[in-house]
PDB file of N, CA and C in Angstrom:
ATOM      1  N   MET A   1     -17.744 191.566  27.039  1.00  0.00           N
ATOM      2  CA  MET A   1     -19.124 191.641  27.485  1.00  0.00           C
ATOM      3  C   MET A   1     -19.635 190.233  27.733  1.00  0.00           C
ATOM      4  N   GLU A   2     -19.679 189.869  28.962  1.00  0.00           N
ATOM      5  CA  GLU A   2     -20.100 188.517  29.310  1.00  0.00           C
ATOM      6  C   GLU A   2     -21.572 188.281  29.024  1.00  0.00           C
ATOM      7  N   SER A   3     -22.352 189.336  29.007  1.00  0.00           N
ATOM      8  CA  SER A   3     -23.788 189.173  28.768  1.00  0.00           C
ATOM      9  C   SER A   3     -24.114 189.043  27.287  1.00  0.00           C
ATOM     10  N   GLY A   4     -23.096 189.082  26.422  1.00  0.00           N
ATOM     11  CA  GLY A   4     -23.325 188.962  24.994  1.00  0.00           C
ATOM     12  C   GLY A   4     -23.331 190.316  24.323  1.00  0.00           C
ATOM     13  N   PRO A   5     -23.622 190.332  23.036  1.00  0.00           N
ATOM     14  CA  PRO A   5     -23.604 191.600  22.303  1.00  0.00           C
ATOM     15  C   PRO A   5     -24.729 192.528  22.760  1.00  0.00           C
ATOM     16  N   PRO A   6     -24.504 193.817  22.628  1.00  0.00           N
ATOM     17  CA  PRO A   6     -25.535 194.782  23.010  1.00  0.00           C
ATOM     18  C   PRO A   6     -26.773 194.676  22.115  1.00  0.00           C
ATOM     19  N   LEU A   7     -27.882 195.174  22.608  1.00  0.00           N
ATOM     20  CA  LEU A   7     -29.134 195.127  21.855  1.00  0.00           C
ATOM     21  C   LEU A   7     -29.239 196.260  20.843  1.00  0.00           C
ATOM     22  N   ASP A   8     -28.646 197.397  21.144  1.00  0.00           N
ATOM     23  CA  ASP A   8     -28.682 198.549  20.257  1.00  0.00           C
ATOM     24  C   ASP A   8     -27.902 198.233  18.972  1.00  0.00           C
ATOM     25  N   PRO A   9     -28.515 198.439  17.780  1.00  0.00           N
ATOM     26  CA  PRO A   9     -27.849 198.087  16.516  1.00  0.00           C
ATOM     27  C   PRO A   9     -26.491 198.762  16.325  1.00  0.00           C
ATOM     28  N   LEU A  10     -26.374 200.030  16.674  1.00  0.00           N
ATOM     29  CA  LEU A  10     -25.102 200.730  16.512  1.00  0.00           C
ATOM     30  C   LEU A  10     -24.047 200.148  17.452  1.00  0.00           C
ATOM     31  N   GLN A  11     -24.442 199.907  18.711  1.00  0.00           N
ATOM     32  CA  GLN A  11     -23.513 199.315  19.669  1.00  0.00           C
ATOM     33  C   GLN A  11     -23.134 197.883  19.257  1.00  0.00           C
ATOM     34  N   ARG A  12     -24.096 197.153  18.676  1.00  0.00           N
ATOM     35  CA  ARG A  12     -23.835 195.794  18.206  1.00  0.00           C
ATOM     36  C   ARG A  12     -22.773 195.807  17.100  1.00  0.00           C
ATOM     37  N   LYS A  13     -22.880 196.784  16.207  1.00  0.00           N
ATOM     38  CA  LYS A  13     -21.916 196.922  15.119  1.00  0.00           C
ATOM     39  C   LYS A  13     -20.525 197.199  15.683  1.00  0.00           C
ATOM     40  N   ILE A  14     -20.435 198.112  16.620  1.00  0.00           N
ATOM     41  CA  ILE A  14     -19.150 198.446  17.254  1.00  0.00           C
ATOM     42  C   ILE A  14     -18.592 197.227  17.985  1.00  0.00           C
ATOM     43  N   TYR A  15     -19.466 196.512  18.681  1.00  0.00           N
ATOM     44  CA  TYR A  15     -19.069 195.306  19.414  1.00  0.00           C
ATOM     45  C   TYR A  15     -18.511 194.254  18.451  1.00  0.00           C
ATOM     46  N   LEU A  16     -19.192 194.035  17.328  1.00  0.00           N
ATOM     47  CA  LEU A  16     -18.760 193.043  16.352  1.00  0.00           C
ATOM     48  C   LEU A  16     -17.416 193.432  15.745  1.00  0.00           C
ATOM     49  N   ILE A  17     -17.269 194.678  15.363  1.00  0.00           N
ATOM     50  CA  ILE A  17     -16.011 195.149  14.781  1.00  0.00           C
ATOM     51  C   ILE A  17     -14.876 194.986  15.781  1.00  0.00           C
ATOM     52  N   ASP A  18     -15.107 195.375  17.018  1.00  0.00           N
ATOM     53  CA  ASP A  18     -14.089 195.249  18.063  1.00  0.00           C
ATOM     54  C   ASP A  18     -13.708 193.786  18.289  1.00  0.00           C
ATOM     55  N   THR A  19     -14.700 192.916  18.342  1.00  0.00           N
ATOM     56  CA  THR A  19     -14.451 191.481  18.551  1.00  0.00           C
ATOM     57  C   THR A  19     -13.638 190.908  17.399  1.00  0.00           C
ATOM     58  N   LEU A  20     -14.001 191.261  16.167  1.00  0.00           N
ATOM     59  CA  LEU A  20     -13.267 190.764  15.000  1.00  0.00           C
ATOM     60  C   LEU A  20     -11.839 191.307  14.955  1.00  0.00           C
ATOM     61  N   MET A  21     -11.660 192.548  15.327  1.00  0.00           N
ATOM     62  CA  MET A  21     -10.320 193.138  15.348  1.00  0.00           C
ATOM     63  C   MET A  21      -9.426 192.431  16.372  1.00  0.00           C
ATOM     64  N   LYS A  22      -9.981 192.156  17.560  1.00  0.00           N
ATOM     65  CA  LYS A  22      -9.216 191.437  18.583  1.00  0.00           C
ATOM     66  C   LYS A  22      -8.870 190.031  18.110  1.00  0.00           C
ATOM     67  N   PHE A  23      -9.848 189.356  17.496  1.00  0.00           N
ATOM     68  CA  PHE A  23      -9.629 188.001  16.986  1.00  0.00           C
ATOM     69  C   PHE A  23      -8.543 188.009  15.918  1.00  0.00           C
ATOM     70  N   ASN A  24      -8.645 188.931  14.965  1.00  0.00           N
ATOM     71  CA  ASN A  24      -7.641 189.019  13.895  1.00  0.00           C
ATOM     72  C   ASN A  24      -6.260 189.326  14.460  1.00  0.00           C
ATOM     73  N   SER A  25      -6.202 190.162  15.469  1.00  0.00           N
ATOM     74  CA  SER A  25      -4.928 190.484  16.097  1.00  0.00           C
ATOM     75  C   SER A  25      -4.311 189.247  16.740  1.00  0.00           C
ATOM     76  N   LYS A  26      -5.129 188.457  17.431  1.00  0.00           N
ATOM     77  CA  LYS A  26      -4.617 187.225  18.049  1.00  0.00           C
ATOM     78  C   LYS A  26      -4.144 186.233  16.985  1.00  0.00           C
ATOM     79  N   ILE A  27      -4.912 186.096  15.912  1.00  0.00           N
ATOM     80  CA  ILE A  27      -4.522 185.191  14.827  1.00  0.00           C
ATOM     81  C   ILE A  27      -3.193 185.648  14.230  1.00  0.00           C
ATOM     82  N   SER A  28      -3.053 186.941  14.017  1.00  0.00           N
ATOM     83  CA  SER A  28      -1.819 187.480  13.461  1.00  0.00           C
ATOM     84  C   SER A  28      -0.643 187.195  14.385  1.00  0.00           C
ATOM     85  N   GLN A  29      -0.840 187.411  15.684  1.00  0.00           N
ATOM     86  CA  GLN A  29       0.220 187.146  16.646  1.00  0.00           C
ATOM     87  C   GLN A  29       0.577 185.663  16.672  1.00  0.00           C
ATOM     88  N   LEU A  30      -0.430 184.803  16.610  1.00  0.00           N
ATOM     89  CA  LEU A  30      -0.177 183.361  16.606  1.00  0.00           C
ATOM     90  C   LEU A  30       0.578 182.939  15.353  1.00  0.00           C
ATOM     91  N   SER A  31       0.198 183.509  14.205  1.00  0.00           N
ATOM     92  CA  SER A  31       0.854 183.120  12.961  1.00  0.00           C
ATOM     93  C   SER A  31       2.309 183.566  12.935  1.00  0.00           C
ATOM     94  N   ASN A  32       2.628 184.571  13.720  1.00  0.00           N
ATOM     95  CA  ASN A  32       4.015 185.022  13.836  1.00  0.00           C
ATOM     96  C   ASN A  32       4.767 184.287  14.942  1.00  0.00           C
ATOM     97  N   GLY A  33       4.093 183.370  15.615  1.00  0.00           N
ATOM     98  CA  GLY A  33       4.735 182.587  16.657  1.00  0.00           C
ATOM     99  C   GLY A  33       4.744 183.251  18.016  1.00  0.00           C
ATOM    100  N   GLU A  34       4.054 184.358  18.153  1.00  0.00           N
ATOM    101  CA  GLU A  34       4.007 185.034  19.436  1.00  0.00           C
ATOM    102  C   GLU A  34       3.040 184.310  20.366  1.00  0.00           C
ATOM    103  N   VAL A  35       3.349 184.299  21.622  1.00  0.00           N
ATOM    104  CA  VAL A  35       2.478 183.655  22.602  1.00  0.00           C
ATOM    105  C   VAL A  35       1.444 184.673  23.053  1.00  0.00           C
ATOM    106  N   VAL A  36       0.170 184.350  22.825  1.00  0.00           N
ATOM    107  CA  VAL A  36      -0.903 185.260  23.162  1.00  0.00           C
ATOM    108  C   VAL A  36      -1.498 184.887  24.508  1.00  0.00           C
ATOM    109  N   ILE A  37      -1.398 183.631  24.868  1.00  0.00           N
ATOM    110  CA  ILE A  37      -1.992 183.125  26.098  1.00  0.00           C
ATOM    111  C   ILE A  37      -0.898 182.610  27.008  1.00  0.00           C
ATOM    112  N   GLN A  38      -1.273 182.157  28.191  1.00  0.00           N
ATOM    113  CA  GLN A  38      -0.304 181.663  29.164  1.00  0.00           C
ATOM    114  C   GLN A  38       0.565 180.553  28.581  1.00  0.00           C
ATOM    115  N   GLU A  39      -0.069 179.609  27.873  1.00  0.00           N
ATOM    116  CA  GLU A  39       0.678 178.510  27.296  1.00  0.00           C
ATOM    117  C   GLU A  39       0.745 178.688  25.791  1.00  0.00           C
ATOM    118  N   ASN A  40       1.786 178.167  25.188  1.00  0.00           N
ATOM    119  CA  ASN A  40       1.956 178.274  23.750  1.00  0.00           C
ATOM    120  C   ASN A  40       0.944 177.382  23.046  1.00  0.00           C
ATOM    121  N   LEU A  41       0.089 177.995  22.251  1.00  0.00           N
ATOM    122  CA  LEU A  41      -0.963 177.274  21.547  1.00  0.00           C
ATOM    123  C   LEU A  41      -0.398 176.222  20.597  1.00  0.00           C
ATOM    124  N   PHE A  42       0.750 176.510  19.995  1.00  0.00           N
ATOM    125  CA  PHE A  42       1.348 175.558  19.064  1.00  0.00           C
ATOM    126  C   PHE A  42       1.740 174.263  19.759  1.00  0.00           C
ATOM    127  N   ILE A  43       2.232 174.363  20.977  1.00  0.00           N
ATOM    128  CA  ILE A  43       2.599 173.162  21.733  1.00  0.00           C
ATOM    129  C   ILE A  43       1.353 172.340  22.026  1.00  0.00           C
ATOM    130  N   LEU A  44       0.262 173.003  22.376  1.00  0.00           N
ATOM    131  CA  LEU A  44      -0.978 172.296  22.688  1.00  0.00           C
ATOM    132  C   LEU A  44      -1.558 171.586  21.472  1.00  0.00           C
ATOM    133  N   LEU A  45      -1.407 172.168  20.288  1.00  0.00           N
ATOM    134  CA  LEU A  45      -2.048 171.624  19.093  1.00  0.00           C
ATOM    135  C   LEU A  45      -1.142 170.732  18.251  1.00  0.00           C
ATOM    136  N   ARG A  46       0.157 170.811  18.472  1.00  0.00           N
ATOM    137  CA  ARG A  46       1.096 170.081  17.624  1.00  0.00           C
ATOM    138  C   ARG A  46       0.794 168.582  17.566  1.00  0.00           C
ATOM    139  N   SER A  47       0.473 167.972  18.691  1.00  0.00           N
ATOM    140  CA  SER A  47       0.218 166.529  18.692  1.00  0.00           C
ATOM    141  C   SER A  47      -1.047 166.188  17.903  1.00  0.00           C
ATOM    142  N   ASP A  48      -2.081 167.042  17.997  1.00  0.00           N
ATOM    143  CA  ASP A  48      -3.302 166.788  17.228  1.00  0.00           C
ATOM    144  C   ASP A  48      -3.044 166.889  15.728  1.00  0.00           C
ATOM    145  N   PHE A  49      -2.262 167.875  15.320  1.00  0.00           N
ATOM    146  CA  PHE A  49      -1.957 168.008  13.907  1.00  0.00           C
ATOM    147  C   PHE A  49      -1.057 166.867  13.427  1.00  0.00           C
ATOM    148  N   LYS A  50      -0.172 166.385  14.299  1.00  0.00           N
ATOM    149  CA  LYS A  50       0.679 165.249  13.921  1.00  0.00           C
ATOM    150  C   LYS A  50      -0.183 164.015  13.692  1.00  0.00           C
ATOM    151  N   LYS A  51      -1.170 163.780  14.565  1.00  0.00           N
ATOM    152  CA  LYS A  51      -2.068 162.634  14.377  1.00  0.00           C
ATOM    153  C   LYS A  51      -2.795 162.737  13.038  1.00  0.00           C
ATOM    154  N   TRP A  52      -3.259 163.937  12.713  1.00  0.00           N
ATOM    155  CA  TRP A  52      -3.981 164.133  11.459  1.00  0.00           C
ATOM    156  C   TRP A  52      -3.047 163.909  10.266  1.00  0.00           C
ATOM    157  N   LYS A  53      -1.819 164.437  10.345  1.00  0.00           N
ATOM    158  CA  LYS A  53      -0.847 164.245   9.265  1.00  0.00           C
ATOM    159  C   LYS A  53      -0.521 162.766   9.111  1.00  0.00           C
ATOM    160  N   ASP A  54      -0.323 162.064  10.213  1.00  0.00           N
ATOM    161  CA  ASP A  54      -0.043 160.624  10.155  1.00  0.00           C
ATOM    162  C   ASP A  54      -1.196 159.873   9.496  1.00  0.00           C
ATOM    163  N   HIS A  55      -2.431 160.272   9.834  1.00  0.00           N
ATOM    164  CA  HIS A  55      -3.594 159.633   9.219  1.00  0.00           C
ATOM    165  C   HIS A  55      -3.600 159.873   7.712  1.00  0.00           C
ATOM    166  N   LEU A  56      -3.349 161.103   7.293  1.00  0.00           N
ATOM    167  CA  LEU A  56      -3.327 161.411   5.862  1.00  0.00           C
ATOM    168  C   LEU A  56      -2.204 160.651   5.163  1.00  0.00           C
ATOM    169  N   ASP A  57      -1.028 160.608   5.797  1.00  0.00           N
ATOM    170  CA  ASP A  57       0.086 159.868   5.215  1.00  0.00           C
ATOM    171  C   ASP A  57      -0.264 158.386   5.078  1.00  0.00           C
ATOM    172  N   GLY A  58      -1.008 157.861   6.047  1.00  0.00           N
ATOM    173  CA  GLY A  58      -1.395 156.460   6.019  1.00  0.00           C
ATOM    174  C   GLY A  58      -2.416 156.140   4.937  1.00  0.00           C
ATOM    175  N   THR A  59      -3.136 157.134   4.456  1.00  0.00           N
ATOM    176  CA  THR A  59      -4.151 156.882   3.425  1.00  0.00           C
ATOM    177  C   THR A  59      -3.619 157.107   2.011  1.00  0.00           C
ATOM    178  N   LYS A  60      -2.409 157.644   1.885  1.00  0.00           N
ATOM    179  CA  LYS A  60      -1.864 157.952   0.559  1.00  0.00           C
ATOM    180  C   LYS A  60      -1.800 156.720  -0.335  1.00  0.00           C
ATOM    181  N   GLU A  61      -1.203 155.669   0.183  1.00  0.00           N
ATOM    182  CA  GLU A  61      -0.996 154.477  -0.642  1.00  0.00           C
ATOM    183  C   GLU A  61      -2.326 153.839  -1.043  1.00  0.00           C
ATOM    184  N   SER A  62      -3.260 153.742  -0.085  1.00  0.00           N
ATOM    185  CA  SER A  62      -4.543 153.127  -0.425  1.00  0.00           C
ATOM    186  C   SER A  62      -5.308 153.994  -1.428  1.00  0.00           C
ATOM    187  N   PHE A  63      -5.189 155.308  -1.314  1.00  0.00           N
ATOM    188  CA  PHE A  63      -5.843 156.187  -2.279  1.00  0.00           C
ATOM    189  C   PHE A  63      -5.243 155.991  -3.666  1.00  0.00           C
ATOM    190  N   HIS A  64      -3.930 155.922  -3.710  1.00  0.00           N
ATOM    191  CA  HIS A  64      -3.253 155.710  -4.995  1.00  0.00           C
ATOM    192  C   HIS A  64      -3.697 154.389  -5.619  1.00  0.00           C
ATOM    193  N   GLN A  65      -3.781 153.345  -4.808  1.00  0.00           N
ATOM    194  CA  GLN A  65      -4.236 152.044  -5.310  1.00  0.00           C
ATOM    195  C   GLN A  65      -5.683 152.124  -5.812  1.00  0.00           C
ATOM    196  N   THR A  66      -6.529 152.818  -5.072  1.00  0.00           N
ATOM    197  CA  THR A  66      -7.925 152.970  -5.485  1.00  0.00           C
ATOM    198  C   THR A  66      -8.014 153.676  -6.831  1.00  0.00           C
ATOM    199  N   VAL A  67      -7.242 154.732  -6.999  1.00  0.00           N
ATOM    200  CA  VAL A  67      -7.243 155.462  -8.269  1.00  0.00           C
ATOM    201  C   VAL A  67      -6.801 154.535  -9.390  1.00  0.00           C
ATOM    202  N   GLN A  68      -5.736 153.780  -9.162  1.00  0.00           N
ATOM    203  CA  GLN A  68      -5.240 152.869 -10.201  1.00  0.00           C
ATOM    204  C   GLN A  68      -6.283 151.810 -10.560  1.00  0.00           C
ATOM    205  N   GLU A  69      -6.956 151.271  -9.547  1.00  0.00           N
ATOM    206  CA  GLU A  69      -7.985 150.254  -9.797  1.00  0.00           C
ATOM    207  C   GLU A  69      -9.153 150.830 -10.591  1.00  0.00           C
ATOM    208  N   VAL A  70      -9.587 152.029 -10.223  1.00  0.00           N
ATOM    209  CA  VAL A  70     -10.701 152.656 -10.926  1.00  0.00           C
ATOM    210  C   VAL A  70     -10.319 152.950 -12.378  1.00  0.00           C
ATOM    211  N   VAL A  71      -9.106 153.434 -12.593  1.00  0.00           N
ATOM    212  CA  VAL A  71      -8.656 153.733 -13.949  1.00  0.00           C
ATOM    213  C   VAL A  71      -8.588 152.452 -14.779  1.00  0.00           C
ATOM    214  N   LYS A  72      -8.048 151.379 -14.186  1.00  0.00           N
ATOM    215  CA  LYS A  72      -7.980 150.107 -14.926  1.00  0.00           C
ATOM    216  C   LYS A  72      -9.376 149.609 -15.282  1.00  0.00           C
ATOM    217  N   GLU A  73     -10.281 149.669 -14.317  1.00  0.00           N
ATOM    218  CA  GLU A  73     -11.652 149.222 -14.571  1.00  0.00           C
ATOM    219  C   GLU A  73     -12.290 150.077 -15.668  1.00  0.00           C
ATOM    220  N   TYR A  74     -12.083 151.379 -15.575  1.00  0.00           N
ATOM    221  CA  TYR A  74     -12.639 152.284 -16.589  1.00  0.00           C
ATOM    222  C   TYR A  74     -12.058 151.957 -17.965  1.00  0.00           C
ATOM    223  N   ASP A  75     -10.733 151.753 -18.000  1.00  0.00           N
ATOM    224  CA  ASP A  75     -10.084 151.450 -19.273  1.00  0.00           C
ATOM    225  C   ASP A  75     -10.650 150.181 -19.902  1.00  0.00           C
ATOM    226  N   LEU A  76     -10.930 149.186 -19.073  1.00  0.00           N
ATOM    227  CA  LEU A  76     -11.434 147.915 -19.588  1.00  0.00           C
ATOM    228  C   LEU A  76     -12.899 147.984 -20.014  1.00  0.00           C
ATOM    229  N   LYS A  77     -13.711 148.682 -19.258  1.00  0.00           N
ATOM    230  CA  LYS A  77     -15.162 148.631 -19.475  1.00  0.00           C
ATOM    231  C   LYS A  77     -15.736 149.823 -20.234  1.00  0.00           C
ATOM    232  N   HIS A  78     -15.149 150.981 -20.081  1.00  0.00           N
ATOM    233  CA  HIS A  78     -15.837 152.185 -20.547  1.00  0.00           C
ATOM    234  C   HIS A  78     -15.063 153.039 -21.545  1.00  0.00           C
ATOM    235  N   ARG A  79     -13.825 152.689 -21.833  1.00  0.00           N
ATOM    236  CA  ARG A  79     -13.030 153.556 -22.712  1.00  0.00           C
ATOM    237  C   ARG A  79     -13.639 153.564 -24.105  1.00  0.00           C
ATOM    238  N   ARG A  80     -13.724 154.743 -24.641  1.00  0.00           N
ATOM    239  CA  ARG A  80     -14.247 154.893 -25.995  1.00  0.00           C
ATOM    240  C   ARG A  80     -13.138 155.509 -26.855  1.00  0.00           C
ATOM    241  N   ARG A  81     -13.253 156.787 -27.081  1.00  0.00           N
ATOM    242  CA  ARG A  81     -12.295 157.451 -27.961  1.00  0.00           C
ATOM    243  C   ARG A  81     -11.118 158.045 -27.219  1.00  0.00           C
ATOM    244  N   GLU A  82     -11.131 157.983 -25.864  1.00  0.00           N
ATOM    245  CA  GLU A  82     -10.033 158.582 -25.109  1.00  0.00           C
ATOM    246  C   GLU A  82      -8.746 157.801 -25.370  1.00  0.00           C
ATOM    247  N   LEU A  83      -7.658 158.510 -25.440  1.00  0.00           N
ATOM    248  CA  LEU A  83      -6.364 157.870 -25.630  1.00  0.00           C
ATOM    249  C   LEU A  83      -5.918 157.217 -24.324  1.00  0.00           C
ATOM    250  N   PRO A  84      -5.105 156.170 -24.397  1.00  0.00           N
ATOM    251  CA  PRO A  84      -4.587 155.562 -23.164  1.00  0.00           C
ATOM    252  C   PRO A  84      -3.846 156.619 -22.328  1.00  0.00           C
ATOM    253  N   GLY A  85      -4.071 156.573 -21.024  1.00  0.00           N
ATOM    254  CA  GLY A  85      -3.453 157.542 -20.124  1.00  0.00           C
ATOM    255  C   GLY A  85      -4.304 158.775 -19.890  1.00  0.00           C
ATOM    256  N   PHE A  86      -5.376 158.941 -20.658  1.00  0.00           N
ATOM    257  CA  PHE A  86      -6.280 160.075 -20.495  1.00  0.00           C
ATOM    258  C   PHE A  86      -7.663 159.535 -20.166  1.00  0.00           C
ATOM    259  N   SER A  87      -7.994 159.548 -18.910  1.00  0.00           N
ATOM    260  CA  SER A  87      -9.290 159.018 -18.490  1.00  0.00           C
ATOM    261  C   SER A  87     -10.297 160.138 -18.320  1.00  0.00           C
ATOM    262  N   ASN A  88     -11.523 159.761 -18.319  1.00  0.00           N
ATOM    263  CA  ASN A  88     -12.630 160.688 -18.172  1.00  0.00           C
ATOM    264  C   ASN A  88     -12.547 161.388 -16.811  1.00  0.00           C
ATOM    265  N   TYR A  89     -12.760 162.689 -16.791  1.00  0.00           N
ATOM    266  CA  TYR A  89     -12.677 163.462 -15.552  1.00  0.00           C
ATOM    267  C   TYR A  89     -13.662 162.974 -14.506  1.00  0.00           C
ATOM    268  N   SER A  90     -14.854 162.551 -14.909  1.00  0.00           N
ATOM    269  CA  SER A  90     -15.863 162.128 -13.931  1.00  0.00           C
ATOM    270  C   SER A  90     -15.404 160.926 -13.128  1.00  0.00           C
ATOM    271  N   VAL A  91     -14.549 160.086 -13.709  1.00  0.00           N
ATOM    272  CA  VAL A  91     -14.010 158.939 -12.974  1.00  0.00           C
ATOM    273  C   VAL A  91     -13.179 159.439 -11.792  1.00  0.00           C
ATOM    274  N   PHE A  92     -12.307 160.400 -12.050  1.00  0.00           N
ATOM    275  CA  PHE A  92     -11.481 160.946 -10.971  1.00  0.00           C
ATOM    276  C   PHE A  92     -12.326 161.700  -9.955  1.00  0.00           C
ATOM    277  N   GLU A  93     -13.344 162.367 -10.426  1.00  0.00           N
ATOM    278  CA  GLU A  93     -14.239 163.080  -9.526  1.00  0.00           C
ATOM    279  C   GLU A  93     -14.889 162.114  -8.541  1.00  0.00           C
ATOM    280  N   ILE A  94     -15.315 160.961  -9.020  1.00  0.00           N
ATOM    281  CA  ILE A  94     -15.930 159.951  -8.150  1.00  0.00           C
ATOM    282  C   ILE A  94     -14.921 159.442  -7.130  1.00  0.00           C
ATOM    283  N   VAL A  95     -13.691 159.196  -7.561  1.00  0.00           N
ATOM    284  CA  VAL A  95     -12.651 158.702  -6.651  1.00  0.00           C
ATOM    285  C   VAL A  95     -12.350 159.737  -5.575  1.00  0.00           C
ATOM    286  N   VAL A  96     -12.223 160.984  -5.969  1.00  0.00           N
ATOM    287  CA  VAL A  96     -11.922 162.043  -5.006  1.00  0.00           C
ATOM    288  C   VAL A  96     -13.077 162.221  -4.029  1.00  0.00           C
ATOM    289  N   GLN A  97     -14.307 162.158  -4.516  1.00  0.00           N
ATOM    290  CA  GLN A  97     -15.463 162.270  -3.623  1.00  0.00           C
ATOM    291  C   GLN A  97     -15.463 161.133  -2.605  1.00  0.00           C
ATOM    292  N   LYS A  98     -15.088 159.947  -3.040  1.00  0.00           N
ATOM    293  CA  LYS A  98     -15.017 158.795  -2.134  1.00  0.00           C
ATOM    294  C   LYS A  98     -13.949 159.036  -1.064  1.00  0.00           C
ATOM    295  N   LEU A  99     -12.781 159.551  -1.478  1.00  0.00           N
ATOM    296  CA  LEU A  99     -11.715 159.830  -0.522  1.00  0.00           C
ATOM    297  C   LEU A  99     -12.145 160.896   0.476  1.00  0.00           C
ATOM    298  N   VAL A 100     -12.783 161.948  -0.009  1.00  0.00           N
ATOM    299  CA  VAL A 100     -13.250 163.015   0.879  1.00  0.00           C
ATOM    300  C   VAL A 100     -14.223 162.442   1.907  1.00  0.00           C
ATOM    301  N   GLU A 101     -15.116 161.568   1.476  1.00  0.00           N
ATOM    302  CA  GLU A 101     -16.072 160.949   2.394  1.00  0.00           C
ATOM    303  C   GLU A 101     -15.357 160.115   3.452  1.00  0.00           C
ATOM    304  N   GLU A 102     -14.299 159.384   3.041  1.00  0.00           N
ATOM    305  CA  GLU A 102     -13.543 158.569   3.989  1.00  0.00           C
ATOM    306  C   GLU A 102     -12.779 159.429   4.997  1.00  0.00           C
ATOM    307  N   LEU A 103     -12.313 160.597   4.557  1.00  0.00           N
ATOM    308  CA  LEU A 103     -11.506 161.456   5.425  1.00  0.00           C
ATOM    309  C   LEU A 103     -12.349 162.423   6.254  1.00  0.00           C
ATOM    310  N   LYS A 104     -13.631 162.522   5.948  1.00  0.00           N
ATOM    311  CA  LYS A 104     -14.490 163.479   6.647  1.00  0.00           C
ATOM    312  C   LYS A 104     -14.542 163.194   8.152  1.00  0.00           C
ATOM    313  N   GLY A 105     -14.763 161.939   8.527  1.00  0.00           N
ATOM    314  CA  GLY A 105     -14.849 161.584   9.944  1.00  0.00           C
ATOM    315  C   GLY A 105     -13.579 161.907  10.710  1.00  0.00           C
ATOM    316  N   PRO A 106     -12.405 161.432  10.234  1.00  0.00           N
ATOM    317  CA  PRO A 106     -11.160 161.772  10.931  1.00  0.00           C
ATOM    318  C   PRO A 106     -10.889 163.279  10.966  1.00  0.00           C
ATOM    319  N   ALA A 107     -11.274 163.999   9.916  1.00  0.00           N
ATOM    320  CA  ALA A 107     -11.066 165.450   9.898  1.00  0.00           C
ATOM    321  C   ALA A 107     -11.924 166.119  10.964  1.00  0.00           C
ATOM    322  N   ILE A 108     -13.170 165.694  11.074  1.00  0.00           N
ATOM    323  CA  ILE A 108     -14.064 166.264  12.091  1.00  0.00           C
ATOM    324  C   ILE A 108     -13.543 165.938  13.482  1.00  0.00           C
ATOM    325  N   ASP A 109     -13.042 164.716  13.681  1.00  0.00           N
ATOM    326  CA  ASP A 109     -12.467 164.347  14.972  1.00  0.00           C
ATOM    327  C   ASP A 109     -11.274 165.233  15.318  1.00  0.00           C
ATOM    328  N   ALA A 110     -10.430 165.511  14.326  1.00  0.00           N
ATOM    329  CA  ALA A 110      -9.264 166.369  14.560  1.00  0.00           C
ATOM    330  C   ALA A 110      -9.698 167.783  14.923  1.00  0.00           C
ATOM    331  N   VAL A 111     -10.690 168.303  14.220  1.00  0.00           N
ATOM    332  CA  VAL A 111     -11.187 169.657  14.521  1.00  0.00           C
ATOM    333  C   VAL A 111     -11.785 169.709  15.920  1.00  0.00           C
ATOM    334  N   LYS A 112     -12.553 168.681  16.292  1.00  0.00           N
ATOM    335  CA  LYS A 112     -13.132 168.642  17.641  1.00  0.00           C
ATOM    336  C   LYS A 112     -12.045 168.600  18.690  1.00  0.00           C
ATOM    337  N   SER A 113     -11.018 167.792  18.452  1.00  0.00           N
ATOM    338  CA  SER A 113      -9.919 167.680  19.405  1.00  0.00           C
ATOM    339  C   SER A 113      -9.209 169.015  19.570  1.00  0.00           C
ATOM    340  N   ILE A 114      -8.995 169.707  18.455  1.00  0.00           N
ATOM    341  CA  ILE A 114      -8.327 171.013  18.497  1.00  0.00           C
ATOM    342  C   ILE A 114      -9.221 172.042  19.174  1.00  0.00           C
ATOM    343  N   ARG A 115     -10.516 172.008  18.854  1.00  0.00           N
ATOM    344  CA  ARG A 115     -11.457 172.955  19.454  1.00  0.00           C
ATOM    345  C   ARG A 115     -11.534 172.766  20.959  1.00  0.00           C
ATOM    346  N   ASP A 116     -11.489 171.515  21.399  1.00  0.00           N
ATOM    347  CA  ASP A 116     -11.603 171.208  22.824  1.00  0.00           C
ATOM    348  C   ASP A 116     -10.300 171.443  23.585  1.00  0.00           C
ATOM    349  N   CYS A 117      -9.225 171.707  22.873  1.00  0.00           N
ATOM    350  CA  CYS A 117      -7.922 171.944  23.506  1.00  0.00           C
ATOM    351  C   CYS A 117      -7.953 173.314  24.173  1.00  0.00           C
ATOM    352  N   ARG A 118      -8.043 173.301  25.464  1.00  0.00           N
ATOM    353  CA  ARG A 118      -8.115 174.551  26.236  1.00  0.00           C
ATOM    354  C   ARG A 118      -6.837 174.677  27.051  1.00  0.00           C
ATOM    355  N   PRO A 119      -6.149 175.798  26.927  1.00  0.00           N
ATOM    356  CA  PRO A 119      -4.946 175.988  27.728  1.00  0.00           C
ATOM    357  C   PRO A 119      -5.302 176.101  29.208  1.00  0.00           C
ATOM    358  N   ALA A 120      -4.400 175.621  30.028  1.00  0.00           N
ATOM    359  CA  ALA A 120      -4.606 175.714  31.474  1.00  0.00           C
ATOM    360  C   ALA A 120      -4.507 177.163  31.905  1.00  0.00           C
ATOM    361  N   THR A 121      -5.401 177.561  32.767  1.00  0.00           N
ATOM    362  CA  THR A 121      -5.345 178.930  33.288  1.00  0.00           C
ATOM    363  C   THR A 121      -4.804 178.867  34.696  1.00  0.00           C
ATOM    364  N   GLY A 122      -4.018 179.809  35.040  1.00  0.00           N
ATOM    365  CA  GLY A 122      -3.462 179.736  36.384  1.00  0.00           C
ATOM    366  C   GLY A 122      -2.674 180.887  36.784  1.00  0.00           C
TER     367      GLY A 122
END
């Protein structure tokens, strides 16, 4: 329906169910490696996912270093009764939140790139 969903509530419900069923069917076919469209979606998206994986792989070492630095700083300045090797959970929570913030931009860029990937029609 190019004009959008119907105005009648019952027809709208049927339209939504039908749309979701078609979408789920396509997702299922894609997850099984079946080609649903003219071009293979996996070929179109593989390079975008590789860029994202490379970015994540590139941040592993710096993240590990950041965690080690935060733990050392915590051990020196804030350790109380915790045994060595057992740091406060909130310290790790702060580090993870920082990493998530750093990765948010590249993740959004990857999603936009994938969303904008339109197979050629012909």
